[in-house]
C-alpha atoms as a PDB file:
ATOM      1  CA  MET A   1     107.485  79.434  60.519  1.00  0.00           C
ATOM      2  CA  VAL A   2     106.923  82.401  58.280  1.00  0.00           C
ATOM      3  CA  LEU A   3     103.223  82.192  58.639  1.00  0.00           C
ATOM      4  CA  THR A   4     103.582  83.295  62.485  1.00  0.00           C
ATOM      5  CA  ARG A   5     105.053  86.690  61.714  1.00  0.00           C
ATOM      6  CA  PHE A   6     101.372  87.735  60.213  1.00  0.00           C
ATOM      7  CA  LEU A   7      99.672  86.544  62.711  1.00  0.00           C
ATOM      8  CA  PRO A   8      97.913  88.540  66.180  1.00  0.00           C
ATOM      9  CA  ARG A   9      99.888  88.185  69.397  1.00  0.00           C
ATOM     10  CA  ASP A  10      98.701  87.709  72.261  1.00  0.00           C
ATOM     11  CA  GLU A  11     100.138  90.396  74.380  1.00  0.00           C
ATOM     12  CA  GLN A  12      98.753  89.523  78.233  1.00  0.00           C
ATOM     13  CA  PHE A  13     101.916  88.985  79.072  1.00  0.00           C
ATOM     14  CA  TYR A  14     102.460  92.086  79.922  1.00  0.00           C
ATOM     15  CA  GLY A  15      99.476  92.958  81.680  1.00  0.00           C
ATOM     16  CA  HIS A  16     100.339  89.812  84.019  1.00  0.00           C
ATOM     17  CA  PHE A  17     104.173  90.729  84.432  1.00  0.00           C
ATOM     18  CA  ARG A  18     102.827  94.493  85.457  1.00  0.00           C
ATOM     19  CA  ASP A  19     100.636  93.116  87.980  1.00  0.00           C
ATOM     20  CA  ALA A  20     103.242  90.520  89.259  1.00  0.00           C
ATOM     21  CA  ALA A  21     106.167  93.526  89.647  1.00  0.00           C
ATOM     22  CA  ALA A  22     103.612  95.623  91.253  1.00  0.00           C
ATOM     23  CA  ASN A  23     102.442  92.752  93.794  1.00  0.00           C
ATOM     24  CA  ALA A  24     106.500  92.917  94.113  1.00  0.00           C
ATOM     25  CA  ALA A  25     106.917  95.928  94.820  1.00  0.00           C
ATOM     26  CA  GLU A  26     103.782  95.727  97.832  1.00  0.00           C
ATOM     27  CA  VAL A  27     105.361  93.221  99.119  1.00  0.00           C
ATOM     28  CA  ALA A  28     108.832  94.884  99.493  1.00  0.00           C
ATOM     29  CA  GLU A  29     107.107  98.090 100.999  1.00  0.00           C
ATOM     30  CA  LEU A  30     105.910  96.195 103.384  1.00  0.00           C
ATOM     31  CA  LEU A  31     108.984  94.061 104.519  1.00  0.00           C
ATOM     32  CA  SER A  32     111.037  97.416 104.560  1.00  0.00           C
ATOM     33  CA  ALA A  33     107.972  98.556 106.988  1.00  0.00           C
ATOM     34  CA  ILE A  34     107.851  95.408 109.399  1.00  0.00           C
ATOM     35  CA  PHE A  35     112.476  96.239 109.686  1.00  0.00           C
ATOM     36  CA  ASN A  36     111.823  99.754 110.236  1.00  0.00           C
ATOM     37  CA  GLY A  37     109.318  98.802 113.380  1.00  0.00           C
ATOM     38  CA  SER A  38     106.204 101.370 111.979  1.00  0.00           C
ATOM     39  CA  VAL A  39     104.090  98.651 111.515  1.00  0.00           C
ATOM     40  CA  ASP A  40     102.467  95.814 113.871  1.00  0.00           C
ATOM     41  CA  THR A  41     104.548  92.781 112.641  1.00  0.00           C
ATOM     42  CA  GLU A  42     102.206  90.047 113.176  1.00  0.00           C
ATOM     43  CA  ARG A  43      99.506  91.326 111.265  1.00  0.00           C
ATOM     44  CA  THR A  44     102.014  92.885 108.424  1.00  0.00           C
ATOM     45  CA  VAL A  45     103.225  89.517 107.848  1.00  0.00           C
ATOM     46  CA  ARG A  46      99.845  87.934 107.427  1.00  0.00           C
ATOM     47  CA  ARG A  47      99.502  90.778 104.548  1.00  0.00           C
ATOM     48  CA  LEU A  48     102.698  89.265 103.286  1.00  0.00           C
ATOM     49  CA  ARG A  49     101.465  85.959 103.154  1.00  0.00           C
ATOM     50  CA  ASP A  50      97.894  86.881 101.767  1.00  0.00           C
ATOM     51  CA  LEU A  51     100.521  89.164  98.693  1.00  0.00           C
ATOM     52  CA  GLU A  52     102.549  86.013  98.291  1.00  0.00           C
ATOM     53  CA  HIS A  53      99.404  83.896  97.048  1.00  0.00           C
ATOM     54  CA  ARG A  54      98.446  86.693  95.248  1.00  0.00           C
ATOM     55  CA  GLY A  55     101.573  86.556  93.076  1.00  0.00           C
ATOM     56  CA  ASP A  56     101.631  82.712  92.886  1.00  0.00           C
ATOM     57  CA  GLU A  57      97.734  83.192  91.442  1.00  0.00           C
ATOM     58  CA  ILE A  58      99.552  85.596  88.839  1.00  0.00           C
ATOM     59  CA  THR A  59     102.813  82.803  88.077  1.00  0.00           C
ATOM     60  CA  HIS A  60      99.864  80.766  87.770  1.00  0.00           C
ATOM     61  CA  ARG A  61      97.508  82.788  84.642  1.00  0.00           C
ATOM     62  CA  VAL A  62     101.320  83.412  82.936  1.00  0.00           C
ATOM     63  CA  PHE A  63     101.643  79.524  82.756  1.00  0.00           C
ATOM     64  CA  SER A  64      98.376  78.879  82.112  1.00  0.00           C
ATOM     65  CA  ALA A  65      98.701  81.560  78.991  1.00  0.00           C
ATOM     66  CA  LEU A  66     101.415  80.077  77.940  1.00  0.00           C
ATOM     67  CA  ASN A  67      99.882  76.587  77.260  1.00  0.00           C
ATOM     68  CA  SER A  68      96.745  78.204  75.809  1.00  0.00           C
ATOM     69  CA  THR A  69      98.618  81.093  73.444  1.00  0.00           C
ATOM     70  CA  PHE A  70      99.770  79.681  70.547  1.00  0.00           C
ATOM     71  CA  VAL A  71     101.344  83.218  68.800  1.00  0.00           C
ATOM     72  CA  THR A  72     103.443  85.047  72.049  1.00  0.00           C
ATOM     73  CA  PRO A  73     104.940  88.467  71.909  1.00  0.00           C
ATOM     74  CA  MET A  74     108.408  87.367  73.097  1.00  0.00           C
ATOM     75  CA  ASP A  75     109.924  83.546  72.956  1.00  0.00           C
ATOM     76  CA  ARG A  76     108.388  81.059  75.875  1.00  0.00           C
ATOM     77  CA  GLU A  77     111.734  80.696  77.662  1.00  0.00           C
ATOM     78  CA  ASP A  78     111.397  84.630  78.261  1.00  0.00           C
ATOM     79  CA  ILE A  79     107.993  84.517  79.572  1.00  0.00           C
ATOM     80  CA  ASP A  80     108.673  81.171  81.653  1.00  0.00           C
ATOM     81  CA  GLY A  81     111.759  83.066  83.041  1.00  0.00           C
ATOM     82  CA  LEU A  82     110.657  86.061  83.860  1.00  0.00           C
ATOM     83  CA  ALA A  83     107.339  85.233  85.500  1.00  0.00           C
ATOM     84  CA  GLY A  84     108.962  82.603  88.128  1.00  0.00           C
ATOM     85  CA  GLU A  85     112.080  84.409  88.675  1.00  0.00           C
ATOM     86  CA  LEU A  86     109.183  87.196  89.843  1.00  0.00           C
ATOM     87  CA  ASP A  87     107.677  84.788  91.908  1.00  0.00           C
ATOM     88  CA  ASP A  88     111.163  84.049  93.570  1.00  0.00           C
ATOM     89  CA  PHE A  89     111.447  87.648  94.025  1.00  0.00           C
ATOM     90  CA  VAL A  90     108.415  87.573  96.179  1.00  0.00           C
ATOM     91  CA  ASP A  91     108.914  84.200  98.006  1.00  0.00           C
ATOM     92  CA  ASN A  92     112.116  85.466  99.539  1.00  0.00           C
ATOM     93  CA  MET A  93     110.910  88.525 100.711  1.00  0.00           C
ATOM     94  CA  GLU A  94     107.935  86.848 102.034  1.00  0.00           C
ATOM     95  CA  GLU A  95     110.187  83.813 103.797  1.00  0.00           C
ATOM     96  CA  ALA A  96     112.152  86.917 105.213  1.00  0.00           C
ATOM     97  CA  GLY A  97     109.578  88.415 107.034  1.00  0.00           C
ATOM     98  CA  HIS A  98     108.325  85.613 108.248  1.00  0.00           C
ATOM     99  CA  ARG A  99     110.950  84.673 110.038  1.00  0.00           C
ATOM    100  CA  LEU A 100     111.472  88.042 111.842  1.00  0.00           C
ATOM    101  CA  TRP A 101     108.152  87.166 113.281  1.00  0.00           C
ATOM    102  CA  LEU A 102     108.786  83.494 113.843  1.00  0.00           C
ATOM    103  CA  TYR A 103     111.872  83.907 115.910  1.00  0.00           C
ATOM    104  CA  ARG A 104     109.996  87.059 117.624  1.00  0.00           C
ATOM    105  CA  LEU A 105     112.864  89.190 117.461  1.00  0.00           C
ATOM    106  CA  PRO A 106     112.915  92.458 118.877  1.00  0.00           C
ATOM    107  CA  ALA A 107     113.482  96.334 117.180  1.00  0.00           C
ATOM    108  CA  ALA A 108     115.131  95.678 114.155  1.00  0.00           C
ATOM    109  CA  THR A 109     118.928  96.021 113.558  1.00  0.00           C
ATOM    110  CA  GLU A 110     120.500  98.502 111.363  1.00  0.00           C
ATOM    111  CA  PRO A 111     122.333  95.886 108.682  1.00  0.00           C
ATOM    112  CA  ALA A 112     118.468  94.910 108.822  1.00  0.00           C
ATOM    113  CA  ARG A 113     116.944  97.885 108.221  1.00  0.00           C
ATOM    114  CA  LEU A 114     119.266  98.776 105.874  1.00  0.00           C
ATOM    115  CA  LEU A 115     119.152  95.535 103.311  1.00  0.00           C
ATOM    116  CA  ALA A 116     115.516  95.828 103.399  1.00  0.00           C
ATOM    117  CA  ARG A 117     115.705  99.429 101.957  1.00  0.00           C
ATOM    118  CA  ILE A 118     117.822  97.902  98.684  1.00  0.00           C
ATOM    119  CA  VAL A 119     115.093  94.980  98.660  1.00  0.00           C
ATOM    120  CA  LEU A 120     112.695  98.041  98.438  1.00  0.00           C
ATOM    121  CA  GLU A 121     114.588 100.212  95.854  1.00  0.00           C
ATOM    122  CA  GLN A 122     115.090  96.580  93.645  1.00  0.00           C
ATOM    123  CA  ALA A 123     111.624  95.650  93.668  1.00  0.00           C
ATOM    124  CA  GLU A 124     110.540  99.882  92.486  1.00  0.00           C
ATOM    125  CA  LEU A 125     112.793  99.670  89.439  1.00  0.00           C
ATOM    126  CA  ILE A 126     111.754  96.314  88.732  1.00  0.00           C
ATOM    127  CA  ARG A 127     108.415  97.528  88.999  1.00  0.00           C
ATOM    128  CA  ASP A 128     109.525 100.620  86.330  1.00  0.00           C
ATOM    129  CA  ALA A 129     111.724  98.314  84.109  1.00  0.00           C
ATOM    130  CA  THR A 130     108.224  95.749  83.632  1.00  0.00           C
ATOM    131  CA  GLY A 131     105.747  98.510  82.670  1.00  0.00           C
ATOM    132  CA  LEU A 132     107.947  99.673  79.882  1.00  0.00           C
ATOM    133  CA  LEU A 133     108.530  95.905  78.057  1.00  0.00           C
ATOM    134  CA  GLU A 134     105.686  96.408  75.981  1.00  0.00           C
ATOM    135  CA  GLU A 135     107.420  98.698  74.110  1.00  0.00           C
ATOM    136  CA  VAL A 136     110.945  97.527  74.361  1.00  0.00           C
ATOM    137  CA  GLY A 137     112.590  99.186  71.375  1.00  0.00           C
ATOM    138  CA  LYS A 138     111.507 103.111  72.555  1.00  0.00           C
ATOM    139  CA  HIS A 139     112.622 102.689  76.548  1.00  0.00           C
ATOM    140  CA  GLN A 140     115.861 100.730  75.551  1.00  0.00           C
ATOM    141  CA  ASP A 141     118.018 103.243  76.965  1.00  0.00           C
ATOM    142  CA  GLU A 142     115.894 103.492  79.985  1.00  0.00           C
ATOM    143  CA  LEU A 143     115.952  99.715  80.678  1.00  0.00           C
ATOM    144  CA  LYS A 144     119.423  99.394  80.547  1.00  0.00           C
ATOM    145  CA  ARG A 145     119.710 102.110  83.548  1.00  0.00           C
ATOM    146  CA  LEU A 146     117.406 100.693  85.453  1.00  0.00           C
ATOM    147  CA  VAL A 147     118.700  97.134  85.226  1.00  0.00           C
ATOM    148  CA  VAL A 148     122.472  98.885  85.579  1.00  0.00           C
ATOM    149  CA  GLU A 149     120.365 100.273  89.263  1.00  0.00           C
ATOM    150  CA  VAL A 150     118.993  96.683  90.335  1.00  0.00           C
ATOM    151  CA  HIS A 151     122.956  95.448  89.391  1.00  0.00           C
ATOM    152  CA  SER A 152     124.529  97.942  91.358  1.00  0.00           C
ATOM    153  CA  LEU A 153     121.873  97.300  94.372  1.00  0.00           C
ATOM    154  CA  GLU A 154     122.857  93.722  94.743  1.00  0.00           C
ATOM    155  CA  ASN A 155     126.620  94.654  95.056  1.00  0.00           C
ATOM    156  CA  GLU A 156     125.683  97.006  97.939  1.00  0.00           C
ATOM    157  CA  ALA A 157     123.680  94.288  99.568  1.00  0.00           C
ATOM    158  CA  ASP A 158     126.972  92.023  99.680  1.00  0.00           C
ATOM    159  CA  ASP A 159     129.006  94.880 101.311  1.00  0.00           C
ATOM    160  CA  ARG A 160     126.220  95.875 103.332  1.00  0.00           C
ATOM    161  CA  LEU A 161     125.955  91.490 104.387  1.00  0.00           C
ATOM    162  CA  ASN A 162     129.694  90.786 104.954  1.00  0.00           C
ATOM    163  CA  GLN A 163     130.063  94.482 107.309  1.00  0.00           C
ATOM    164  CA  ALA A 164     127.419  92.986 109.642  1.00  0.00           C
ATOM    165  CA  LEU A 165     128.443  89.084 109.356  1.00  0.00           C
ATOM    166  CA  ALA A 166     131.852  90.884 110.211  1.00  0.00           C
ATOM    167  CA  GLY A 167     130.533  92.223 113.540  1.00  0.00           C
ATOM    168  CA  LEU A 168     127.709  89.669 114.283  1.00  0.00           C
ATOM    169  CA  TYR A 169     129.722  88.321 117.324  1.00  0.00           C
ATOM    170  CA  ASP A 170     130.887  91.264 118.791  1.00  0.00           C
ATOM    171  CA  GLY A 171     130.069  91.514 122.656  1.00  0.00           C
ATOM    172  CA  VAL A 172     128.354  87.868 122.417  1.00  0.00           C
ATOM    173  CA  THR A 173     129.264  86.131 125.875  1.00  0.00           C
ATOM    174  CA  GLU A 174     125.630  84.339 126.863  1.00  0.00           C
ATOM    175  CA  VAL A 175     124.000  81.551 124.875  1.00  0.00           C
ATOM    176  CA  PRO A 176     120.338  84.130 124.666  1.00  0.00           C
ATOM    177  CA  ALA A 177     122.964  86.651 122.863  1.00  0.00           C
ATOM    178  CA  LEU A 178     124.786  83.937 120.793  1.00  0.00           C
ATOM    179  CA  ILE A 179     121.070  82.522 120.016  1.00  0.00           C
ATOM    180  CA  GLN A 180     119.996  85.981 118.944  1.00  0.00           C
ATOM    181  CA  ALA A 181     123.030  86.474 117.097  1.00  0.00           C
ATOM    182  CA  ILE A 182     122.536  83.571 114.869  1.00  0.00           C
ATOM    183  CA  ARG A 183     118.742  83.863 114.083  1.00  0.00           C
ATOM    184  CA  TRP A 184     119.995  87.411 112.818  1.00  0.00           C
ATOM    185  CA  GLY A 185     122.736  86.435 110.630  1.00  0.00           C
ATOM    186  CA  GLU A 186     120.331  84.686 109.254  1.00  0.00           C
ATOM    187  CA  ILE A 187     117.759  86.667 108.064  1.00  0.00           C
ATOM    188  CA  TYR A 188     120.271  89.231 107.003  1.00  0.00           C
ATOM    189  CA  GLY A 189     121.057  86.538 104.616  1.00  0.00           C
ATOM    190  CA  LEU A 190     117.877  85.858 103.322  1.00  0.00           C
ATOM    191  CA  LEU A 191     117.422  89.903 102.781  1.00  0.00           C
ATOM    192  CA  GLU A 192     120.282  89.116 100.317  1.00  0.00           C
ATOM    193  CA  ASP A 193     119.002  86.533  98.387  1.00  0.00           C
ATOM    194  CA  ALA A 194     116.114  88.420  98.237  1.00  0.00           C
ATOM    195  CA  THR A 195     118.447  90.937  96.329  1.00  0.00           C
ATOM    196  CA  ASP A 196     120.027  88.076  94.216  1.00  0.00           C
ATOM    197  CA  ARG A 197     116.717  87.090  93.254  1.00  0.00           C
ATOM    198  CA  GLY A 198     115.937  90.941  92.265  1.00  0.00           C
ATOM    199  CA  GLU A 199     118.828  90.876  89.881  1.00  0.00           C
ATOM    200  CA  ASP A 200     117.600  87.593  88.267  1.00  0.00           C
ATOM    201  CA  VAL A 201     114.565  88.807  87.519  1.00  0.00           C
ATOM    202  CA  ALA A 202     116.864  92.270  85.998  1.00  0.00           C
ATOM    203  CA  ASN A 203     119.045  89.719  84.124  1.00  0.00           C
ATOM    204  CA  ARG A 204     116.264  88.487  82.693  1.00  0.00           C
ATOM    205  CA  ILE A 205     115.186  92.062  81.365  1.00  0.00           C
ATOM    206  CA  GLU A 206     118.728  92.575  80.136  1.00  0.00           C
ATOM    207  CA  GLY A 207     118.233  89.096  77.888  1.00  0.00           C
ATOM    208  CA  ILE A 208     114.795  90.775  76.908  1.00  0.00           C
ATOM    209  CA  VAL A 209     115.856  94.062  75.954  1.00  0.00           C
ATOM    210  CA  ALA A 210     119.280  92.730  74.516  1.00  0.00           C
ATOM    211  CA  LYS A 211     116.707  90.350  72.210  1.00  0.00           C
ATOM    212  CA  TYR A 212     113.929  92.106  71.490  1.00  0.00           C
ATOM    213  CA  GLY A 213     115.056  96.022  71.849  1.00  0.00           C
END
């Protein structure tokens, strides 16, 4: 085991993580644009699906490299975990956009726009944090700050979701309006779930900082 400390480590994983985090940020940007009504929903949802597939390919590259690499730059469980959590983050965002298109809902509500904005801010912070992991020892303070901001955004999303659900059925008296309210509630939940997945990524990064910083 001592010998492994003197063997060259395969650093390709950091590049894969940067690619995955940049992909997630692009997904979040498009998702926010969908909920702001500034793009064609159907076309953009197709683009989200393409990016989700790209994320799957990056994750597959990480797992393939993990299986063929003897000495890794961090524990295998951290590499596996970070790759999977970034993939889950993208999957949840893509599902929220797809569900909006599937339900053919009208212009997005204010709670949906706010939640999508929170997801985007999380994704940008995660992209920035992932870019610093290769030199984690030099960037401990900045990484800790970014992680705290991701946690804060998840708390904000919880508050926004609770507020949205509290008034979801106000004024609903007809069945079509009830169905629409139920569907919006589902989408709010998917967006908040995405912020939970973003927090999962931040938790993993926090653990990496504590272990290798």
